[in-house]
């Protein structure tokens, strides 16, 4: 059981790294301080799907981390 959780955690960690690297850069340097840099931008559907998949992967990784920690320290 614990080995399966570790495998799922490793796979989700690698996929999470890939998903984060696929995101488009949002930093605007010092222009982002005022908050007006992203005033008129909108998310495309592909980016929304990428964000959703990244959230799901991070939730899977978090749950696997909690389960692994519970089994190791109990």
PDB file of N, CA and C in Angstrom:
ATOM      1  N   UNK A   1       0.826  -1.198   0.000  1.00  0.00           N
ATOM      2  CA  UNK A   1       0.000   0.000   0.000  1.00  0.00           C
ATOM      3  C   UNK A   1       0.868   1.259   0.000  1.00  0.00           C
ATOM      4  N   UNK A   2       1.846   1.294   0.897  1.00  0.00           N
ATOM      5  CA  UNK A   2       2.694   2.479   0.994  1.00  0.00           C
ATOM      6  C   UNK A   2       3.559   2.641  -0.248  1.00  0.00           C
ATOM      7  N   UNK A   3       3.980   1.534  -0.833  1.00  0.00           N
ATOM      8  CA  UNK A   3       4.773   1.598  -2.065  1.00  0.00           C
ATOM      9  C   UNK A   3       3.957   2.192  -3.208  1.00  0.00           C
ATOM     10  N   UNK A   4       2.692   1.845  -3.277  1.00  0.00           N
ATOM     11  CA  UNK A   4       1.808   2.400  -4.302  1.00  0.00           C
ATOM     12  C   UNK A   4       1.645   3.905  -4.120  1.00  0.00           C
ATOM     13  N   UNK A   5       1.491   4.344  -2.889  1.00  0.00           N
ATOM     14  CA  UNK A   5       1.363   5.779  -2.611  1.00  0.00           C
ATOM     15  C   UNK A   5       2.641   6.506  -3.003  1.00  0.00           C
ATOM     16  N   UNK A   6       3.797   5.907  -2.731  1.00  0.00           N
ATOM     17  CA  UNK A   6       5.069   6.537  -3.101  1.00  0.00           C
ATOM     18  C   UNK A   6       5.209   6.649  -4.621  1.00  0.00           C
ATOM     19  N   UNK A   7       4.795   5.611  -5.328  1.00  0.00           N
ATOM     20  CA  UNK A   7       4.865   5.645  -6.794  1.00  0.00           C
ATOM     21  C   UNK A   7       3.953   6.729  -7.347  1.00  0.00           C
ATOM     22  N   UNK A   8       2.733   6.821  -6.811  1.00  0.00           N
ATOM     23  CA  UNK A   8       1.799   7.866  -7.240  1.00  0.00           C
ATOM     24  C   UNK A   8       2.373   9.246  -6.925  1.00  0.00           C
ATOM     25  N   UNK A   9       3.008   9.389  -5.775  1.00  0.00           N
ATOM     26  CA  UNK A   9       3.580  10.663  -5.375  1.00  0.00           C
ATOM     27  C   UNK A   9       4.743  11.060  -6.299  1.00  0.00           C
ATOM     28  N   UNK A  10       5.587  10.126  -6.651  1.00  0.00           N
ATOM     29  CA  UNK A  10       6.712  10.423  -7.541  1.00  0.00           C
ATOM     30  C   UNK A  10       6.223  10.796  -8.932  1.00  0.00           C
ATOM     31  N   UNK A  11       5.245  10.053  -9.437  1.00  0.00           N
ATOM     32  CA  UNK A  11       4.692  10.363 -10.761  1.00  0.00           C
ATOM     33  C   UNK A  11       4.015  11.722 -10.758  1.00  0.00           C
ATOM     34  N   UNK A  12       3.241  12.015  -9.720  1.00  0.00           N
ATOM     35  CA  UNK A  12       2.574  13.317  -9.654  1.00  0.00           C
ATOM     36  C   UNK A  12       3.581  14.448  -9.474  1.00  0.00           C
ATOM     37  N   UNK A  13       4.688  14.210  -8.773  1.00  0.00           N
ATOM     38  CA  UNK A  13       5.712  15.240  -8.602  1.00  0.00           C
ATOM     39  C   UNK A  13       6.377  15.568  -9.934  1.00  0.00           C
ATOM     40  N   UNK A  14       6.708  14.545 -10.715  1.00  0.00           N
ATOM     41  CA  UNK A  14       7.339  14.778 -12.018  1.00  0.00           C
ATOM     42  C   UNK A  14       6.377  15.486 -12.960  1.00  0.00           C
ATOM     43  N   UNK A  15       5.127  15.041 -12.986  1.00  0.00           N
ATOM     44  CA  UNK A  15       4.127  15.699 -13.844  1.00  0.00           C
ATOM     45  C   UNK A  15       3.854  17.127 -13.390  1.00  0.00           C
ATOM     46  N   UNK A  16       3.891  17.370 -12.089  1.00  0.00           N
ATOM     47  CA  UNK A  16       3.671  18.713 -11.572  1.00  0.00           C
ATOM     48  C   UNK A  16       4.799  19.652 -11.989  1.00  0.00           C
ATOM     49  N   UNK A  17       6.021  19.168 -11.968  1.00  0.00           N
ATOM     50  CA  UNK A  17       7.153  19.968 -12.432  1.00  0.00           C
ATOM     51  C   UNK A  17       6.979  20.317 -13.907  1.00  0.00           C
ATOM     52  N   UNK A  18       6.580  19.342 -14.706  1.00  0.00           N
ATOM     53  CA  UNK A  18       6.375  19.581 -16.136  1.00  0.00           C
ATOM     54  C   UNK A  18       5.252  20.585 -16.364  1.00  0.00           C
ATOM     55  N   UNK A  19       4.146  20.454 -15.621  1.00  0.00           N
ATOM     56  CA  UNK A  19       3.017  21.371 -15.789  1.00  0.00           C
ATOM     57  C   UNK A  19       3.383  22.809 -15.412  1.00  0.00           C
ATOM     58  N   UNK A  20       4.153  22.972 -14.347  1.00  0.00           N
ATOM     59  CA  UNK A  20       4.566  24.314 -13.939  1.00  0.00           C
ATOM     60  C   UNK A  20       5.478  24.931 -14.997  1.00  0.00           C
ATOM     61  N   UNK A  21       6.341  24.121 -15.587  1.00  0.00           N
ATOM     62  CA  UNK A  21       7.233  24.640 -16.621  1.00  0.00           C
ATOM     63  C   UNK A  21       6.488  24.969 -17.913  1.00  0.00           C
ATOM     64  N   UNK A  22       5.346  24.354 -18.149  1.00  0.00           N
ATOM     65  CA  UNK A  22       4.564  24.638 -19.351  1.00  0.00           C
ATOM     66  C   UNK A  22       3.764  25.930 -19.263  1.00  0.00           C
ATOM     67  N   UNK A  23       3.561  26.453 -18.070  1.00  0.00           N
ATOM     68  CA  UNK A  23       2.805  27.687 -17.917  1.00  0.00           C
ATOM     69  C   UNK A  23       3.532  28.857 -18.568  1.00  0.00           C
ATOM     70  N   UNK A  24       2.739  29.786 -19.086  1.00  0.00           N
ATOM     71  CA  UNK A  24       3.340  30.981 -19.671  1.00  0.00           C
ATOM     72  C   UNK A  24       3.775  31.927 -18.557  1.00  0.00           C
ATOM     73  N   UNK A  25       4.876  32.642 -18.754  1.00  0.00           N
ATOM     74  CA  UNK A  25       5.355  33.546 -17.703  1.00  0.00           C
ATOM     75  C   UNK A  25       4.384  34.708 -17.500  1.00  0.00           C
ATOM     76  N   UNK A  26       4.113  35.016 -16.245  1.00  0.00           N
ATOM     77  CA  UNK A  26       3.160  36.074 -15.931  1.00  0.00           C
ATOM     78  C   UNK A  26       3.839  37.323 -15.368  1.00  0.00           C
ATOM     79  N   UNK A  27       5.121  37.234 -15.068  1.00  0.00           N
ATOM     80  CA  UNK A  27       5.811  38.352 -14.445  1.00  0.00           C
ATOM     81  C   UNK A  27       6.010  39.511 -15.396  1.00  0.00           C
ATOM     82  N   UNK A  28       5.699  40.697 -14.924  1.00  0.00           N
ATOM     83  CA  UNK A  28       5.876  41.901 -15.716  1.00  0.00           C
ATOM     84  C   UNK A  28       6.924  42.813 -15.108  1.00  0.00           C
ATOM     85  N   UNK A  29       7.752  42.256 -14.257  1.00  0.00           N
ATOM     86  CA  UNK A  29       8.781  43.074 -13.631  1.00  0.00           C
ATOM     87  C   UNK A  29       8.180  44.069 -12.654  1.00  0.00           C
ATOM     88  N   UNK A  30       8.673  45.290 -12.690  1.00  0.00           N
ATOM     89  CA  UNK A  30       8.174  46.318 -11.782  1.00  0.00           C
ATOM     90  C   UNK A  30       6.781  46.812 -12.159  1.00  0.00           C
ATOM     91  N   UNK A  31       6.341  46.540 -13.379  1.00  0.00           N
ATOM     92  CA  UNK A  31       5.004  46.943 -13.799  1.00  0.00           C
ATOM     93  C   UNK A  31       3.911  46.177 -13.071  1.00  0.00           C
ATOM     94  N   UNK A  32       4.232  45.033 -12.510  1.00  0.00           N
ATOM     95  CA  UNK A  32       3.239  44.228 -11.810  1.00  0.00           C
ATOM     96  C   UNK A  32       2.948  44.760 -10.409  1.00  0.00           C
ATOM     97  N   UNK A  33       3.760  45.681  -9.913  1.00  0.00           N
ATOM     98  CA  UNK A  33       3.559  46.204  -8.558  1.00  0.00           C
ATOM     99  C   UNK A  33       2.264  47.011  -8.482  1.00  0.00           C
ATOM    100  N   UNK A  34       1.990  47.789  -9.513  1.00  0.00           N
ATOM    101  CA  UNK A  34       0.794  48.615  -9.509  1.00  0.00           C
ATOM    102  C   UNK A  34      -0.483  47.834  -9.671  1.00  0.00           C
ATOM    103  N   UNK A  35      -0.426  46.670 -10.230  1.00  0.00           N
ATOM    104  CA  UNK A  35      -1.616  45.839 -10.406  1.00  0.00           C
ATOM    105  C   UNK A  35      -2.349  46.099 -11.701  1.00  0.00           C
ATOM    106  N   UNK A  36      -1.937  47.091 -12.458  1.00  0.00           N
ATOM    107  CA  UNK A  36      -2.630  47.420 -13.703  1.00  0.00           C
ATOM    108  C   UNK A  36      -2.089  46.646 -14.895  1.00  0.00           C
ATOM    109  N   UNK A  37      -1.058  45.857 -14.706  1.00  0.00           N
ATOM    110  CA  UNK A  37      -0.446  45.152 -15.829  1.00  0.00           C
ATOM    111  C   UNK A  37      -1.369  44.085 -16.402  1.00  0.00           C
ATOM    112  N   UNK A  38      -2.144  43.416 -15.576  1.00  0.00           N
ATOM    113  CA  UNK A  38      -3.037  42.344 -16.035  1.00  0.00           C
ATOM    114  C   UNK A  38      -4.499  42.782 -16.031  1.00  0.00           C
ATOM    115  N   UNK A  39      -4.748  44.048 -16.245  1.00  0.00           N
ATOM    116  CA  UNK A  39      -6.106  44.563 -16.158  1.00  0.00           C
ATOM    117  C   UNK A  39      -6.979  44.073 -17.299  1.00  0.00           C
ATOM    118  N   UNK A  40      -6.432  44.017 -18.496  1.00  0.00           N
ATOM    119  CA  UNK A  40      -7.250  43.681 -19.658  1.00  0.00           C
ATOM    120  C   UNK A  40      -6.910  42.326 -20.256  1.00  0.00           C
ATOM    121  N   UNK A  41      -6.248  41.481 -19.523  1.00  0.00           N
ATOM    122  CA  UNK A  41      -5.904  40.164 -20.049  1.00  0.00           C
ATOM    123  C   UNK A  41      -6.944  39.140 -19.619  1.00  0.00           C
ATOM    124  N   UNK A  42      -7.093  38.125 -20.415  1.00  0.00           N
ATOM    125  CA  UNK A  42      -8.009  37.035 -20.075  1.00  0.00           C
ATOM    126  C   UNK A  42      -7.309  35.708 -20.324  1.00  0.00           C
ATOM    127  N   UNK A  43      -7.807  34.661 -19.673  1.00  0.00           N
ATOM    128  CA  UNK A  43      -7.224  33.345 -19.848  1.00  0.00           C
ATOM    129  C   UNK A  43      -7.842  32.657 -21.053  1.00  0.00           C
ATOM    130  N   UNK A  44      -7.018  31.996 -21.820  1.00  0.00           N
ATOM    131  CA  UNK A  44      -7.513  31.191 -22.927  1.00  0.00           C
ATOM    132  C   UNK A  44      -7.961  29.845 -22.376  1.00  0.00           C
ATOM    133  N   UNK A  45      -8.722  29.111 -23.156  1.00  0.00           N
ATOM    134  CA  UNK A  45      -9.257  27.832 -22.677  1.00  0.00           C
ATOM    135  C   UNK A  45      -8.140  26.811 -22.455  1.00  0.00           C
ATOM    136  N   UNK A  46      -7.096  26.838 -23.276  1.00  0.00           N
ATOM    137  CA  UNK A  46      -5.993  25.898 -23.077  1.00  0.00           C
ATOM    138  C   UNK A  46      -5.276  26.180 -21.759  1.00  0.00           C
ATOM    139  N   UNK A  47      -5.119  27.465 -21.447  1.00  0.00           N
ATOM    140  CA  UNK A  47      -4.456  27.824 -20.191  1.00  0.00           C
ATOM    141  C   UNK A  47      -5.336  27.494 -18.989  1.00  0.00           C
ATOM    142  N   UNK A  48      -6.635  27.617 -19.146  1.00  0.00           N
ATOM    143  CA  UNK A  48      -7.540  27.220 -18.061  1.00  0.00           C
ATOM    144  C   UNK A  48      -7.442  25.721 -17.793  1.00  0.00           C
ATOM    145  N   UNK A  49      -7.388  24.933 -18.864  1.00  0.00           N
ATOM    146  CA  UNK A  49      -7.243  23.492 -18.707  1.00  0.00           C
ATOM    147  C   UNK A  49      -5.913  23.119 -18.076  1.00  0.00           C
ATOM    148  N   UNK A  50      -4.858  23.834 -18.458  1.00  0.00           N
ATOM    149  CA  UNK A  50      -3.541  23.599 -17.877  1.00  0.00           C
ATOM    150  C   UNK A  50      -3.540  23.950 -16.390  1.00  0.00           C
ATOM    151  N   UNK A  51      -4.194  25.057 -16.041  1.00  0.00           N
ATOM    152  CA  UNK A  51      -4.305  25.435 -14.631  1.00  0.00           C
ATOM    153  C   UNK A  51      -5.088  24.396 -13.841  1.00  0.00           C
ATOM    154  N   UNK A  52      -6.184  23.922 -14.402  1.00  0.00           N
ATOM    155  CA  UNK A  52      -7.007  22.928 -13.711  1.00  0.00           C
ATOM    156  C   UNK A  52      -6.223  21.631 -13.487  1.00  0.00           C
ATOM    157  N   UNK A  53      -5.503  21.177 -14.514  1.00  0.00           N
ATOM    158  CA  UNK A  53      -4.718  19.950 -14.387  1.00  0.00           C
ATOM    159  C   UNK A  53      -3.603  20.124 -13.368  1.00  0.00           C
ATOM    160  N   UNK A  54      -3.014  21.331 -13.305  1.00  0.00           N
ATOM    161  CA  UNK A  54      -1.970  21.602 -12.316  1.00  0.00           C
ATOM    162  C   UNK A  54      -2.548  21.572 -10.911  1.00  0.00           C
ATOM    163  N   UNK A  55      -3.750  22.129 -10.717  1.00  0.00           N
ATOM    164  CA  UNK A  55      -4.390  22.094  -9.399  1.00  0.00           C
ATOM    165  C   UNK A  55      -4.698  20.665  -8.970  1.00  0.00           C
ATOM    166  N   UNK A  56      -5.173  19.848  -9.906  1.00  0.00           N
ATOM    167  CA  UNK A  56      -5.498  18.458  -9.585  1.00  0.00           C
ATOM    168  C   UNK A  56      -4.227  17.690  -9.212  1.00  0.00           C
ATOM    169  N   UNK A  57      -3.152  17.895  -9.972  1.00  0.00           N
ATOM    170  CA  UNK A  57      -1.893  17.229  -9.657  1.00  0.00           C
ATOM    171  C   UNK A  57      -1.337  17.665  -8.309  1.00  0.00           C
ATOM    172  N   UNK A  58      -1.463  18.943  -7.999  1.00  0.00           N
ATOM    173  CA  UNK A  58      -0.964  19.398  -6.702  1.00  0.00           C
ATOM    174  C   UNK A  58      -1.792  18.831  -5.559  1.00  0.00           C
ATOM    175  N   UNK A  59      -3.094  18.664  -5.763  1.00  0.00           N
ATOM    176  CA  UNK A  59      -3.935  18.059  -4.731  1.00  0.00           C
ATOM    177  C   UNK A  59      -3.576  16.585  -4.534  1.00  0.00           C
ATOM    178  N   UNK A  60      -3.317  15.874  -5.629  1.00  0.00           N
ATOM    179  CA  UNK A  60      -2.910  14.468  -5.523  1.00  0.00           C
ATOM    180  C   UNK A  60      -1.584  14.361  -4.782  1.00  0.00           C
ATOM    181  N   UNK A  61      -0.631  15.231  -5.117  1.00  0.00           N
ATOM    182  CA  UNK A  61       0.666  15.210  -4.455  1.00  0.00           C
ATOM    183  C   UNK A  61       0.521  15.514  -2.969  1.00  0.00           C
ATOM    184  N   UNK A  62      -0.322  16.479  -2.631  1.00  0.00           N
ATOM    185  CA  UNK A  62      -0.525  16.853  -1.236  1.00  0.00           C
ATOM    186  C   UNK A  62      -1.160  15.717  -0.437  1.00  0.00           C
ATOM    187  N   UNK A  63      -2.162  15.070  -0.997  1.00  0.00           N
ATOM    188  CA  UNK A  63      -2.821  13.952  -0.311  1.00  0.00           C
ATOM    189  C   UNK A  63      -1.847  12.794  -0.123  1.00  0.00           C
ATOM    190  N   UNK A  64      -1.050  12.497  -1.138  1.00  0.00           N
ATOM    191  CA  UNK A  64      -0.059  11.419  -1.010  1.00  0.00           C
ATOM    192  C   UNK A  64       0.983  11.768   0.047  1.00  0.00           C
ATOM    193  N   UNK A  65       1.362  13.032   0.138  1.00  0.00           N
ATOM    194  CA  UNK A  65       2.327  13.447   1.164  1.00  0.00           C
ATOM    195  C   UNK A  65       1.762  13.263   2.564  1.00  0.00           C
ATOM    196  N   UNK A  66       0.505  13.645   2.746  1.00  0.00           N
ATOM    197  CA  UNK A  66      -0.130  13.472   4.057  1.00  0.00           C
ATOM    198  C   UNK A  66      -0.259  11.998   4.430  1.00  0.00           C
ATOM    199  N   UNK A  67      -0.645  11.163   3.464  1.00  0.00           N
ATOM    200  CA  UNK A  67      -0.790   9.732   3.747  1.00  0.00           C
ATOM    201  C   UNK A  67       0.561   9.117   4.091  1.00  0.00           C
ATOM    202  N   UNK A  68       1.599   9.475   3.337  1.00  0.00           N
ATOM    203  CA  UNK A  68       2.941   8.957   3.608  1.00  0.00           C
ATOM    204  C   UNK A  68       3.427   9.407   4.982  1.00  0.00           C
ATOM    205  N   UNK A  69       3.216  10.672   5.317  1.00  0.00           N
ATOM    206  CA  UNK A  69       3.626  11.174   6.626  1.00  0.00           C
ATOM    207  C   UNK A  69       2.870  10.510   7.758  1.00  0.00           C
ATOM    208  N   UNK A  70       1.583  10.251   7.543  1.00  0.00           N
ATOM    209  CA  UNK A  70       0.796   9.593   8.583  1.00  0.00           C
ATOM    210  C   UNK A  70       1.302   8.174   8.827  1.00  0.00           C
ATOM    211  N   UNK A  71       1.610   7.452   7.745  1.00  0.00           N
ATOM    212  CA  UNK A  71       2.080   6.070   7.890  1.00  0.00           C
ATOM    213  C   UNK A  71       3.485   6.000   8.490  1.00  0.00           C
ATOM    214  N   UNK A  72       4.320   6.968   8.183  1.00  0.00           N
ATOM    215  CA  UNK A  72       5.689   6.926   8.701  1.00  0.00           C
ATOM    216  C   UNK A  72       5.775   7.320  10.176  1.00  0.00           C
ATOM    217  N   UNK A  73       4.902   8.219  10.615  1.00  0.00           N
ATOM    218  CA  UNK A  73       4.995   8.715  11.981  1.00  0.00           C
ATOM    219  C   UNK A  73       3.951   8.148  12.921  1.00  0.00           C
ATOM    220  N   UNK A  74       3.206   7.138  12.482  1.00  0.00           N
ATOM    221  CA  UNK A  74       2.226   6.523  13.382  1.00  0.00           C
ATOM    222  C   UNK A  74       2.651   5.128  13.796  1.00  0.00           C
TER     223      UNK A  74
END
